[in-house]
Amino acid sequence: MGRKAVDITTKRTIILLRASGMSQHEISRKLNIFRNCIYQTINKFNKLHTVATKPRAGRRSKLTDRQKRAIKLQQVRDDTLYRRTVSRILNEFDMFSYVAPRKPRINHRQRYSRLRWCYQHLSWAENDWSNFIFTDESNFEILNRKNRIYIRRFRNDLKRFERSQPRVHKGGSVGIWSYLTYHGLGPIVFYDGSLNSDKYIDILDHHLPTVYEKFLPQSPRKILLQQDNTRPHVSIKTREYFKKKKINPIPWPGNSADLNLMENIWSILDDKLLKYNINNAEQLKTALKMAWMEISHDTIQKLFESMSKRIRQVIKRRGFASHY
């Protein structure tokens, strides 16, 4: 309606004056509005019975459909486009932003080893994993938690720097070792400093007999002990200990944390530590013990049930890391 839009109050006045018997020419002279505008307002009211303005399409898009498809397929970022524009177009195609998970870099030799191991255990059922012992160690820091803490705030929040996660260069840590069987979790074993062969042998010497007691003496299957290929596990001293005790750990493919159920236990444990206020090593040990007791047997059963899915996924991805 001309260069300047007529507000809703003026439109209502036009309708009232027309209803009172005034002609369009008289209304135009009285309100000092073009006669064409008067005609369009009255005609619209007669058809739609309202003078409200319909919502408009908005500013014309800078991108054509072909350009939008190019952004979807190639995620092309043009310097002339704002980042928000690119993000909005990607969201239209259900492409949202996620944090990329951290996975180990797996070389060709490790891929071959992982595939061979998965094919060897592809036919295993849940009952076959019931005689499997998963072992692992981990390091938990006092202040530098591994988990992300998400907060909601306004963009220009003056206290945004106060809502932070404290981190220090050296805040102390606690090393723990444990095992996982189909029958349940083992105890938490704490050790100081880095794990070496002597500490590892001492842990095994004190806790391996307890592990085997969890299995029935008349078990028809051989009990299988799993460990990864870190240096304390495969050192000459450790291998001599296994030979002396007549223990044969199963061969384990390198960089296969996604196949070790203990890695999921560490992640669950790390999540549970978020609700504890930890300031020193003793508080961390206490929190670890309490969180360890909270891990249910149903969680353990679900982890063992996922082994067949993990193996199939590794095979499907040709030896690369799975999402577990």
C-alpha atoms as a PDB file:
ATOM      1  CA  MET A   1       0.000   0.000   0.000  1.00  0.00           C
ATOM      2  CA  GLY A   2       2.408   2.656  -1.200  1.00  0.00           C
ATOM      3  CA  ARG A   3       5.855   3.215   0.118  1.00  0.00           C
ATOM      4  CA  LYS A   4       4.734   3.340   3.746  1.00  0.00           C
ATOM      5  CA  ALA A   5       2.590   0.593   5.216  1.00  0.00           C
ATOM      6  CA  VAL A   6      -0.716   1.621   6.796  1.00  0.00           C
ATOM      7  CA  ASP A   7      -1.003   0.588  10.446  1.00  0.00           C
ATOM      8  CA  ILE A   8      -3.807  -1.607  11.745  1.00  0.00           C
ATOM      9  CA  THR A   9      -5.561   1.278  13.522  1.00  0.00           C
ATOM     10  CA  THR A  10      -5.894   3.280  10.314  1.00  0.00           C
ATOM     11  CA  LYS A  11      -7.250   0.256   8.486  1.00  0.00           C
ATOM     12  CA  ARG A  12      -9.939  -0.180  11.127  1.00  0.00           C
ATOM     13  CA  THR A  13     -10.827   3.488  10.779  1.00  0.00           C
ATOM     14  CA  ILE A  14     -11.256   3.019   7.025  1.00  0.00           C
ATOM     15  CA  ILE A  15     -13.663   0.130   7.582  1.00  0.00           C
ATOM     16  CA  LEU A  16     -15.689   2.093  10.167  1.00  0.00           C
ATOM     17  CA  LEU A  17     -15.956   5.142   7.918  1.00  0.00           C
ATOM     18  CA  ARG A  18     -17.029   2.979   4.999  1.00  0.00           C
ATOM     19  CA  ALA A  19     -19.662   1.292   7.178  1.00  0.00           C
ATOM     20  CA  SER A  20     -21.008   4.738   8.171  1.00  0.00           C
ATOM     21  CA  GLY A  21     -21.783   5.480   4.518  1.00  0.00           C
ATOM     22  CA  MET A  22     -18.786   7.522   3.379  1.00  0.00           C
ATOM     23  CA  SER A  23     -17.468   6.954  -0.125  1.00  0.00           C
ATOM     24  CA  GLN A  24     -13.906   5.877  -0.856  1.00  0.00           C
ATOM     25  CA  HIS A  25     -13.139   9.344  -2.270  1.00  0.00           C
ATOM     26  CA  GLU A  26     -14.350  11.024   0.943  1.00  0.00           C
ATOM     27  CA  ILE A  27     -12.366   8.631   3.134  1.00  0.00           C
ATOM     28  CA  SER A  28      -9.241   9.267   1.058  1.00  0.00           C
ATOM     29  CA  ARG A  29      -9.568  13.039   1.463  1.00  0.00           C
ATOM     30  CA  LYS A  30     -10.387  12.793   5.184  1.00  0.00           C
ATOM     31  CA  LEU A  31      -7.455  10.493   6.117  1.00  0.00           C
ATOM     32  CA  ASN A  32      -5.070  11.841   3.443  1.00  0.00           C
ATOM     33  CA  ILE A  33      -4.473   8.331   2.072  1.00  0.00           C
ATOM     34  CA  PHE A  34      -4.324   7.242  -1.560  1.00  0.00           C
ATOM     35  CA  ARG A  35      -7.649   6.055  -2.933  1.00  0.00           C
ATOM     36  CA  ASN A  36      -6.050   2.806  -4.148  1.00  0.00           C
ATOM     37  CA  CYS A  37      -5.047   2.010  -0.575  1.00  0.00           C
ATOM     38  CA  ILE A  38      -8.637   2.602   0.574  1.00  0.00           C
ATOM     39  CA  TYR A  39      -9.920   0.297  -2.156  1.00  0.00           C
ATOM     40  CA  GLN A  40      -7.473  -2.533  -1.296  1.00  0.00           C
ATOM     41  CA  THR A  41      -8.253  -2.330   2.445  1.00  0.00           C
ATOM     42  CA  ILE A  42     -12.034  -2.481   1.882  1.00  0.00           C
ATOM     43  CA  ASN A  43     -11.716  -5.254  -0.718  1.00  0.00           C
ATOM     44  CA  LYS A  44      -9.507  -7.334   1.584  1.00  0.00           C
ATOM     45  CA  PHE A  45     -11.954  -6.892   4.483  1.00  0.00           C
ATOM     46  CA  ASN A  46     -14.870  -7.999   2.329  1.00  0.00           C
ATOM     47  CA  LYS A  47     -13.018 -11.202   1.334  1.00  0.00           C
ATOM     48  CA  LEU A  48     -11.212 -12.163   4.539  1.00  0.00           C
ATOM     49  CA  HIS A  49     -13.269 -10.287   7.181  1.00  0.00           C
ATOM     50  CA  THR A  50     -10.056  -9.005   8.746  1.00  0.00           C
ATOM     51  CA  VAL A  51      -7.606  -6.173   8.210  1.00  0.00           C
ATOM     52  CA  ALA A  52      -4.645  -7.968   9.858  1.00  0.00           C
ATOM     53  CA  THR A  53      -1.536  -8.375   7.709  1.00  0.00           C
ATOM     54  CA  LYS A  54      -0.530 -11.936   6.879  1.00  0.00           C
ATOM     55  CA  PRO A  55       2.950 -13.042   7.974  1.00  0.00           C
ATOM     56  CA  ARG A  56       5.392 -12.466   5.171  1.00  0.00           C
ATOM     57  CA  ALA A  57       8.062 -14.803   3.825  1.00  0.00           C
ATOM     58  CA  GLY A  58      10.830 -12.617   5.235  1.00  0.00           C
ATOM     59  CA  ARG A  59      14.094 -11.610   3.646  1.00  0.00           C
ATOM     60  CA  ARG A  60      14.861 -13.357   0.425  1.00  0.00           C
ATOM     61  CA  SER A  61      17.291 -16.242   0.872  1.00  0.00           C
ATOM     62  CA  LYS A  62      20.827 -15.667  -0.347  1.00  0.00           C
ATOM     63  CA  LEU A  63      21.127 -19.319  -1.381  1.00  0.00           C
ATOM     64  CA  THR A  64      19.432 -21.267  -4.122  1.00  0.00           C
ATOM     65  CA  ASP A  65      18.284 -24.844  -3.652  1.00  0.00           C
ATOM     66  CA  ARG A  66      21.346 -26.044  -5.518  1.00  0.00           C
ATOM     67  CA  GLN A  67      23.643 -24.108  -3.187  1.00  0.00           C
ATOM     68  CA  LYS A  68      21.859 -25.536  -0.166  1.00  0.00           C
ATOM     69  CA  ARG A  69      22.408 -29.058  -1.464  1.00  0.00           C
ATOM     70  CA  ALA A  70      26.071 -28.254  -2.017  1.00  0.00           C
ATOM     71  CA  ILE A  71      26.376 -27.159   1.608  1.00  0.00           C
ATOM     72  CA  LYS A  72      24.672 -30.359   2.726  1.00  0.00           C
ATOM     73  CA  LEU A  73      26.979 -32.629   0.752  1.00  0.00           C
ATOM     74  CA  GLN A  74      30.278 -30.785   1.020  1.00  0.00           C
ATOM     75  CA  GLN A  75      29.710 -28.397   3.929  1.00  0.00           C
ATOM     76  CA  VAL A  76      31.167 -25.609   1.860  1.00  0.00           C
ATOM     77  CA  ARG A  77      31.795 -22.471   3.861  1.00  0.00           C
ATOM     78  CA  ASP A  78      31.676 -19.272   1.803  1.00  0.00           C
ATOM     79  CA  ASP A  79      33.442 -16.155   3.151  1.00  0.00           C
ATOM     80  CA  THR A  80      30.471 -14.040   2.097  1.00  0.00           C
ATOM     81  CA  LEU A  81      28.080 -16.094   4.240  1.00  0.00           C
ATOM     82  CA  TYR A  82      27.683 -15.810   7.959  1.00  0.00           C
ATOM     83  CA  ARG A  83      28.420 -18.863  10.063  1.00  0.00           C
ATOM     84  CA  ARG A  84      24.883 -18.747  11.428  1.00  0.00           C
ATOM     85  CA  THR A  85      23.477 -18.909   7.898  1.00  0.00           C
ATOM     86  CA  VAL A  86      25.476 -22.029   7.100  1.00  0.00           C
ATOM     87  CA  SER A  87      24.461 -23.621  10.409  1.00  0.00           C
ATOM     88  CA  ARG A  88      20.779 -22.894   9.804  1.00  0.00           C
ATOM     89  CA  ILE A  89      20.853 -24.438   6.328  1.00  0.00           C
ATOM     90  CA  LEU A  90      22.598 -27.557   7.643  1.00  0.00           C
ATOM     91  CA  ASN A  91      19.968 -27.864  10.370  1.00  0.00           C
ATOM     92  CA  GLU A  92      17.275 -27.868   7.685  1.00  0.00           C
ATOM     93  CA  PHE A  93      18.815 -31.095   6.408  1.00  0.00           C
ATOM     94  CA  ASP A  94      18.934 -32.569   9.948  1.00  0.00           C
ATOM     95  CA  MET A  95      22.701 -32.064  10.105  1.00  0.00           C
ATOM     96  CA  PHE A  96      23.414 -30.873  13.639  1.00  0.00           C
ATOM     97  CA  SER A  97      26.659 -30.143  15.442  1.00  0.00           C
ATOM     98  CA  TYR A  98      28.075 -32.855  17.711  1.00  0.00           C
ATOM     99  CA  VAL A  99      31.316 -33.332  19.600  1.00  0.00           C
ATOM    100  CA  ALA A 100      33.483 -35.765  17.653  1.00  0.00           C
ATOM    101  CA  PRO A 101      34.263 -38.788  19.853  1.00  0.00           C
ATOM    102  CA  ARG A 102      37.902 -39.533  20.550  1.00  0.00           C
ATOM    103  CA  LYS A 103      38.999 -42.868  19.148  1.00  0.00           C
ATOM    104  CA  PRO A 104      42.470 -44.417  18.957  1.00  0.00           C
ATOM    105  CA  ARG A 105      44.312 -44.247  15.666  1.00  0.00           C
ATOM    106  CA  ILE A 106      44.354 -47.779  14.276  1.00  0.00           C
ATOM    107  CA  ASN A 107      46.994 -48.703  11.703  1.00  0.00           C
ATOM    108  CA  HIS A 108      46.757 -51.395   9.041  1.00  0.00           C
ATOM    109  CA  ARG A 109      48.440 -54.068  11.155  1.00  0.00           C
ATOM    110  CA  GLN A 110      46.141 -53.422  14.095  1.00  0.00           C
ATOM    111  CA  ARG A 111      43.086 -53.520  11.840  1.00  0.00           C
ATOM    112  CA  TYR A 112      44.115 -56.937  10.573  1.00  0.00           C
ATOM    113  CA  SER A 113      44.676 -58.169  14.122  1.00  0.00           C
ATOM    114  CA  ARG A 114      41.304 -56.834  15.287  1.00  0.00           C
ATOM    115  CA  LEU A 115      39.469 -58.393  12.361  1.00  0.00           C
ATOM    116  CA  ARG A 116      41.130 -61.765  12.897  1.00  0.00           C
ATOM    117  CA  TRP A 117      40.231 -61.715  16.596  1.00  0.00           C
ATOM    118  CA  CYS A 118      36.616 -60.718  15.877  1.00  0.00           C
ATOM    119  CA  TYR A 119      36.169 -63.438  13.271  1.00  0.00           C
ATOM    120  CA  GLN A 120      37.506 -65.989  15.752  1.00  0.00           C
ATOM    121  CA  HIS A 121      34.892 -64.944  18.324  1.00  0.00           C
ATOM    122  CA  LEU A 122      32.048 -64.094  15.956  1.00  0.00           C
ATOM    123  CA  SER A 123      30.134 -67.290  16.704  1.00  0.00           C
ATOM    124  CA  TRP A 124      30.398 -66.886  20.485  1.00  0.00           C
ATOM    125  CA  ALA A 125      27.095 -66.674  22.370  1.00  0.00           C
ATOM    126  CA  GLU A 126      26.477 -64.947  25.682  1.00  0.00           C
ATOM    127  CA  ASN A 127      27.185 -68.189  27.520  1.00  0.00           C
ATOM    128  CA  ASP A 128      30.650 -68.373  25.921  1.00  0.00           C
ATOM    129  CA  TRP A 129      31.601 -65.035  27.475  1.00  0.00           C
ATOM    130  CA  SER A 130      30.605 -66.220  30.957  1.00  0.00           C
ATOM    131  CA  ASN A 131      34.111 -67.720  31.472  1.00  0.00           C
ATOM    132  CA  PHE A 132      35.890 -64.569  30.306  1.00  0.00           C
ATOM    133  CA  ILE A 133      37.808 -62.308  32.709  1.00  0.00           C
ATOM    134  CA  PHE A 134      38.311 -58.699  31.591  1.00  0.00           C
ATOM    135  CA  THR A 135      41.102 -56.824  33.402  1.00  0.00           C
ATOM    136  CA  ASP A 136      42.351 -53.279  33.121  1.00  0.00           C
ATOM    137  CA  GLU A 137      43.800 -50.384  35.066  1.00  0.00           C
ATOM    138  CA  SER A 138      42.997 -46.689  34.932  1.00  0.00           C
ATOM    139  CA  ASN A 139      44.124 -43.379  36.383  1.00  0.00           C
ATOM    140  CA  PHE A 140      41.669 -40.961  38.002  1.00  0.00           C
ATOM    141  CA  GLU A 141      42.747 -37.386  38.652  1.00  0.00           C
ATOM    142  CA  ILE A 142      41.624 -35.437  41.697  1.00  0.00           C
ATOM    143  CA  LEU A 143      40.605 -32.201  39.990  1.00  0.00           C
ATOM    144  CA  ASN A 144      40.892 -32.639  36.230  1.00  0.00           C
ATOM    145  CA  ARG A 145      37.795 -34.671  35.558  1.00  0.00           C
ATOM    146  CA  LYS A 146      37.520 -36.356  32.184  1.00  0.00           C
ATOM    147  CA  ASN A 147      33.812 -35.612  31.789  1.00  0.00           C
ATOM    148  CA  ARG A 148      32.355 -32.449  30.308  1.00  0.00           C
ATOM    149  CA  ILE A 149      30.156 -30.283  32.527  1.00  0.00           C
ATOM    150  CA  TYR A 150      27.479 -28.467  30.534  1.00  0.00           C
ATOM    151  CA  ILE A 151      25.953 -25.221  31.792  1.00  0.00           C
ATOM    152  CA  ARG A 152      23.279 -22.881  30.444  1.00  0.00           C
ATOM    153  CA  ARG A 153      23.833 -19.136  30.488  1.00  0.00           C
ATOM    154  CA  PHE A 154      23.125 -15.988  28.553  1.00  0.00           C
ATOM    155  CA  ARG A 155      25.604 -14.973  25.870  1.00  0.00           C
ATOM    156  CA  ASN A 156      26.628 -11.782  27.697  1.00  0.00           C
ATOM    157  CA  ASP A 157      26.436 -13.218  31.217  1.00  0.00           C
ATOM    158  CA  LEU A 158      28.722 -11.125  33.431  1.00  0.00           C
ATOM    159  CA  LYS A 159      29.412 -14.144  35.659  1.00  0.00           C
ATOM    160  CA  ARG A 160      30.228 -16.532  32.826  1.00  0.00           C
ATOM    161  CA  PHE A 161      33.870 -16.796  33.895  1.00  0.00           C
ATOM    162  CA  GLU A 162      32.831 -17.842  37.390  1.00  0.00           C
ATOM    163  CA  ARG A 163      30.899 -20.822  35.997  1.00  0.00           C
ATOM    164  CA  SER A 164      33.966 -22.744  34.948  1.00  0.00           C
ATOM    165  CA  GLN A 165      35.509 -26.133  35.566  1.00  0.00           C
ATOM    166  CA  PRO A 166      38.756 -25.814  37.571  1.00  0.00           C
ATOM    167  CA  ARG A 167      41.823 -27.495  36.097  1.00  0.00           C
ATOM    168  CA  VAL A 168      45.382 -27.634  37.359  1.00  0.00           C
ATOM    169  CA  HIS A 169      48.613 -28.781  35.755  1.00  0.00           C
ATOM    170  CA  LYS A 170      49.450 -31.257  38.519  1.00  0.00           C
ATOM    171  CA  GLY A 171      46.669 -31.982  40.967  1.00  0.00           C
ATOM    172  CA  GLY A 172      47.453 -35.561  41.916  1.00  0.00           C
ATOM    173  CA  SER A 173      45.832 -38.793  40.829  1.00  0.00           C
ATOM    174  CA  VAL A 174      44.983 -42.329  41.933  1.00  0.00           C
ATOM    175  CA  GLY A 175      45.705 -45.488  39.954  1.00  0.00           C
ATOM    176  CA  ILE A 176      43.273 -48.390  40.209  1.00  0.00           C
ATOM    177  CA  TRP A 177      43.145 -51.945  38.842  1.00  0.00           C
ATOM    178  CA  SER A 178      40.237 -54.340  38.784  1.00  0.00           C
ATOM    179  CA  TYR A 179      38.555 -57.091  36.802  1.00  0.00           C
ATOM    180  CA  LEU A 180      35.120 -57.874  35.445  1.00  0.00           C
ATOM    181  CA  THR A 181      33.451 -61.249  35.033  1.00  0.00           C
ATOM    182  CA  TYR A 182      29.971 -62.381  34.098  1.00  0.00           C
ATOM    183  CA  HIS A 183      29.356 -62.944  37.819  1.00  0.00           C
ATOM    184  CA  GLY A 184      30.244 -59.405  38.881  1.00  0.00           C
ATOM    185  CA  LEU A 185      32.957 -56.838  39.489  1.00  0.00           C
ATOM    186  CA  GLY A 186      36.149 -57.469  41.380  1.00  0.00           C
ATOM    187  CA  PRO A 187      37.481 -55.231  44.159  1.00  0.00           C
ATOM    188  CA  ILE A 188      39.188 -51.915  43.514  1.00  0.00           C
ATOM    189  CA  VAL A 189      42.951 -52.217  43.910  1.00  0.00           C
ATOM    190  CA  PHE A 190      44.786 -48.920  44.400  1.00  0.00           C
ATOM    191  CA  TYR A 191      48.420 -48.411  43.470  1.00  0.00           C
ATOM    192  CA  ASP A 192      50.724 -45.391  43.718  1.00  0.00           C
ATOM    193  CA  GLY A 193      52.508 -43.843  40.774  1.00  0.00           C
ATOM    194  CA  SER A 194      52.823 -45.526  37.412  1.00  0.00           C
ATOM    195  CA  LEU A 195      52.130 -49.220  37.036  1.00  0.00           C
ATOM    196  CA  ASN A 196      55.231 -51.323  36.388  1.00  0.00           C
ATOM    197  CA  SER A 197      55.851 -55.060  36.149  1.00  0.00           C
ATOM    198  CA  ASP A 198      56.565 -55.521  39.863  1.00  0.00           C
ATOM    199  CA  LYS A 199      53.365 -53.760  40.927  1.00  0.00           C
ATOM    200  CA  TYR A 200      51.345 -55.629  38.329  1.00  0.00           C
ATOM    201  CA  ILE A 201      52.694 -59.031  39.379  1.00  0.00           C
ATOM    202  CA  ASP A 202      52.010 -58.202  43.019  1.00  0.00           C
ATOM    203  CA  ILE A 203      48.392 -57.288  42.158  1.00  0.00           C
ATOM    204  CA  LEU A 204      47.888 -60.492  40.185  1.00  0.00           C
ATOM    205  CA  ASP A 205      49.466 -62.623  42.899  1.00  0.00           C
ATOM    206  CA  HIS A 206      47.043 -61.295  45.516  1.00  0.00           C
ATOM    207  CA  HIS A 207      43.828 -61.136  43.479  1.00  0.00           C
ATOM    208  CA  LEU A 208      43.937 -63.752  40.707  1.00  0.00           C
ATOM    209  CA  PRO A 209      43.100 -66.645  43.091  1.00  0.00           C
ATOM    210  CA  THR A 210      39.989 -64.703  44.129  1.00  0.00           C
ATOM    211  CA  VAL A 211      38.978 -64.303  40.505  1.00  0.00           C
ATOM    212  CA  TYR A 212      39.041 -68.027  39.804  1.00  0.00           C
ATOM    213  CA  GLU A 213      36.979 -68.725  42.913  1.00  0.00           C
ATOM    214  CA  LYS A 214      34.040 -66.974  41.240  1.00  0.00           C
ATOM    215  CA  PHE A 215      33.774 -69.793  38.707  1.00  0.00           C
ATOM    216  CA  LEU A 216      32.344 -73.215  39.367  1.00  0.00           C
ATOM    217  CA  PRO A 217      34.947 -75.983  39.752  1.00  0.00           C
ATOM    218  CA  GLN A 218      32.977 -78.176  37.327  1.00  0.00           C
ATOM    219  CA  SER A 219      32.850 -75.483  34.678  1.00  0.00           C
ATOM    220  CA  PRO A 220      33.079 -77.253  31.292  1.00  0.00           C
ATOM    221  CA  ARG A 221      34.907 -74.350  29.619  1.00  0.00           C
ATOM    222  CA  LYS A 222      38.393 -73.055  30.180  1.00  0.00           C
ATOM    223  CA  ILE A 223      38.618 -69.766  32.077  1.00  0.00           C
ATOM    224  CA  LEU A 224      40.108 -67.074  29.819  1.00  0.00           C
ATOM    225  CA  LEU A 225      42.093 -64.135  31.188  1.00  0.00           C
ATOM    226  CA  GLN A 226      42.198 -60.926  29.139  1.00  0.00           C
ATOM    227  CA  GLN A 227      44.704 -58.097  29.386  1.00  0.00           C
ATOM    228  CA  ASP A 228      45.812 -55.437  26.943  1.00  0.00           C
ATOM    229  CA  ASN A 229      49.302 -55.053  25.492  1.00  0.00           C
ATOM    230  CA  THR A 230      50.735 -52.323  27.717  1.00  0.00           C
ATOM    231  CA  ARG A 231      54.372 -52.735  28.737  1.00  0.00           C
ATOM    232  CA  PRO A 232      53.817 -54.072  32.303  1.00  0.00           C
ATOM    233  CA  HIS A 233      51.460 -56.744  30.921  1.00  0.00           C
ATOM    234  CA  VAL A 234      53.813 -58.144  28.285  1.00  0.00           C
ATOM    235  CA  SER A 235      57.208 -57.627  29.905  1.00  0.00           C
ATOM    236  CA  ILE A 236      59.629 -60.545  30.286  1.00  0.00           C
ATOM    237  CA  LYS A 237      59.138 -60.551  34.058  1.00  0.00           C
ATOM    238  CA  THR A 238      55.335 -60.703  33.720  1.00  0.00           C
ATOM    239  CA  ARG A 239      55.503 -63.481  31.114  1.00  0.00           C
ATOM    240  CA  GLU A 240      57.767 -65.502  33.373  1.00  0.00           C
ATOM    241  CA  TYR A 241      55.236 -65.076  36.178  1.00  0.00           C
ATOM    242  CA  PHE A 242      52.415 -66.357  33.956  1.00  0.00           C
ATOM    243  CA  LYS A 243      54.565 -69.301  32.880  1.00  0.00           C
ATOM    244  CA  LYS A 244      55.321 -70.157  36.486  1.00  0.00           C
ATOM    245  CA  LYS A 245      51.633 -69.985  37.443  1.00  0.00           C
ATOM    246  CA  LYS A 246      50.609 -71.868  34.263  1.00  0.00           C
ATOM    247  CA  ILE A 247      48.360 -69.031  33.148  1.00  0.00           C
ATOM    248  CA  ASN A 248      47.932 -68.290  29.447  1.00  0.00           C
ATOM    249  CA  PRO A 249      46.278 -64.905  28.801  1.00  0.00           C
ATOM    250  CA  ILE A 250      44.444 -64.866  25.492  1.00  0.00           C
ATOM    251  CA  PRO A 251      46.038 -62.927  22.609  1.00  0.00           C
ATOM    252  CA  TRP A 252      44.582 -59.441  22.506  1.00  0.00           C
ATOM    253  CA  PRO A 253      44.577 -57.098  19.466  1.00  0.00           C
ATOM    254  CA  GLY A 254      46.247 -53.735  19.960  1.00  0.00           C
ATOM    255  CA  ASN A 255      44.231 -50.515  20.276  1.00  0.00           C
ATOM    256  CA  SER A 256      41.035 -52.413  21.087  1.00  0.00           C
ATOM    257  CA  ALA A 257      39.602 -50.500  24.019  1.00  0.00           C
ATOM    258  CA  ASP A 258      36.156 -50.760  22.421  1.00  0.00           C
ATOM    259  CA  LEU A 259      36.288 -54.553  22.912  1.00  0.00           C
ATOM    260  CA  ASN A 260      37.319 -54.380  26.571  1.00  0.00           C
ATOM    261  CA  LEU A 261      34.270 -54.044  28.819  1.00  0.00           C
ATOM    262  CA  MET A 262      36.392 -52.574  31.620  1.00  0.00           C
ATOM    263  CA  GLU A 263      36.735 -49.378  29.595  1.00  0.00           C
ATOM    264  CA  ASN A 264      32.969 -48.904  29.909  1.00  0.00           C
ATOM    265  CA  ILE A 265      33.217 -49.505  33.653  1.00  0.00           C
ATOM    266  CA  TRP A 266      35.794 -46.707  33.950  1.00  0.00           C
ATOM    267  CA  SER A 267      33.512 -44.380  31.989  1.00  0.00           C
ATOM    268  CA  ILE A 268      30.524 -45.212  34.218  1.00  0.00           C
ATOM    269  CA  LEU A 269      32.682 -44.681  37.286  1.00  0.00           C
ATOM    270  CA  ASP A 270      33.860 -41.318  35.993  1.00  0.00           C
ATOM    271  CA  ASP A 271      30.267 -40.184  35.468  1.00  0.00           C
ATOM    272  CA  LYS A 272      29.297 -41.172  39.005  1.00  0.00           C
ATOM    273  CA  LEU A 273      32.195 -39.173  40.482  1.00  0.00           C
ATOM    274  CA  LEU A 274      30.628 -35.904  39.296  1.00  0.00           C
ATOM    275  CA  LYS A 275      28.275 -35.787  42.288  1.00  0.00           C
ATOM    276  CA  TYR A 276      31.142 -35.993  44.810  1.00  0.00           C
ATOM    277  CA  ASN A 277      33.173 -33.069  46.162  1.00  0.00           C
ATOM    278  CA  ILE A 278      36.776 -34.257  45.842  1.00  0.00           C
ATOM    279  CA  ASN A 279      39.764 -32.229  47.043  1.00  0.00           C
ATOM    280  CA  ASN A 280      42.445 -34.789  47.905  1.00  0.00           C
ATOM    281  CA  ALA A 281      43.525 -38.347  47.212  1.00  0.00           C
ATOM    282  CA  GLU A 282      41.763 -39.855  50.248  1.00  0.00           C
ATOM    283  CA  GLN A 283      38.446 -38.286  49.267  1.00  0.00           C
ATOM    284  CA  LEU A 284      38.928 -39.578  45.732  1.00  0.00           C
ATOM    285  CA  LYS A 285      39.540 -43.129  46.990  1.00  0.00           C
ATOM    286  CA  THR A 286      36.444 -42.967  49.196  1.00  0.00           C
ATOM    287  CA  ALA A 287      34.340 -41.649  46.306  1.00  0.00           C
ATOM    288  CA  LEU A 288      35.662 -44.359  43.997  1.00  0.00           C
ATOM    289  CA  LYS A 289      34.715 -47.084  46.476  1.00  0.00           C
ATOM    290  CA  MET A 290      31.207 -45.667  46.920  1.00  0.00           C
ATOM    291  CA  ALA A 291      30.674 -45.216  43.184  1.00  0.00           C
ATOM    292  CA  TRP A 292      32.014 -48.734  42.572  1.00  0.00           C
ATOM    293  CA  MET A 293      29.313 -50.188  44.814  1.00  0.00           C
ATOM    294  CA  GLU A 294      26.628 -48.329  42.831  1.00  0.00           C
ATOM    295  CA  ILE A 295      27.336 -50.214  39.592  1.00  0.00           C
ATOM    296  CA  SER A 296      24.478 -52.689  39.306  1.00  0.00           C
ATOM    297  CA  HIS A 297      24.593 -56.285  38.129  1.00  0.00           C
ATOM    298  CA  ASP A 298      22.125 -55.407  35.350  1.00  0.00           C
ATOM    299  CA  THR A 299      24.691 -53.000  33.924  1.00  0.00           C
ATOM    300  CA  ILE A 300      27.274 -55.781  33.871  1.00  0.00           C
ATOM    301  CA  GLN A 301      24.862 -58.170  32.164  1.00  0.00           C
ATOM    302  CA  LYS A 302      24.088 -55.596  29.458  1.00  0.00           C
ATOM    303  CA  LEU A 303      27.799 -55.093  28.818  1.00  0.00           C
ATOM    304  CA  PHE A 304      28.335 -58.812  28.286  1.00  0.00           C
ATOM    305  CA  GLU A 305      25.265 -58.957  26.047  1.00  0.00           C
ATOM    306  CA  SER A 306      26.823 -56.229  23.869  1.00  0.00           C
ATOM    307  CA  MET A 307      29.946 -58.260  23.012  1.00  0.00           C
ATOM    308  CA  SER A 308      28.427 -59.870  19.924  1.00  0.00           C
ATOM    309  CA  LYS A 309      27.267 -56.450  18.677  1.00  0.00           C
ATOM    310  CA  ARG A 310      30.727 -54.971  19.247  1.00  0.00           C
ATOM    311  CA  ILE A 311      32.379 -57.732  17.262  1.00  0.00           C
ATOM    312  CA  ARG A 312      29.942 -57.427  14.360  1.00  0.00           C
ATOM    313  CA  GLN A 313      30.397 -53.673  14.288  1.00  0.00           C
ATOM    314  CA  VAL A 314      34.197 -53.936  14.157  1.00  0.00           C
ATOM    315  CA  ILE A 315      33.871 -56.375  11.254  1.00  0.00           C
ATOM    316  CA  LYS A 316      31.404 -54.069   9.520  1.00  0.00           C
ATOM    317  CA  ARG A 317      33.839 -51.163   9.886  1.00  0.00           C
ATOM    318  CA  ARG A 318      36.708 -53.283   8.515  1.00  0.00           C
ATOM    319  CA  GLY A 319      38.681 -53.198  11.742  1.00  0.00           C
ATOM    320  CA  PHE A 320      38.242 -49.535  12.609  1.00  0.00           C
ATOM    321  CA  ALA A 321      36.941 -48.431  16.016  1.00  0.00           C
ATOM    322  CA  SER A 322      33.295 -49.035  16.877  1.00  0.00           C
ATOM    323  CA  HIS A 323      31.074 -46.540  18.672  1.00  0.00           C
ATOM    324  CA  TYR A 324      31.398 -48.373  21.987  1.00  0.00           C
END
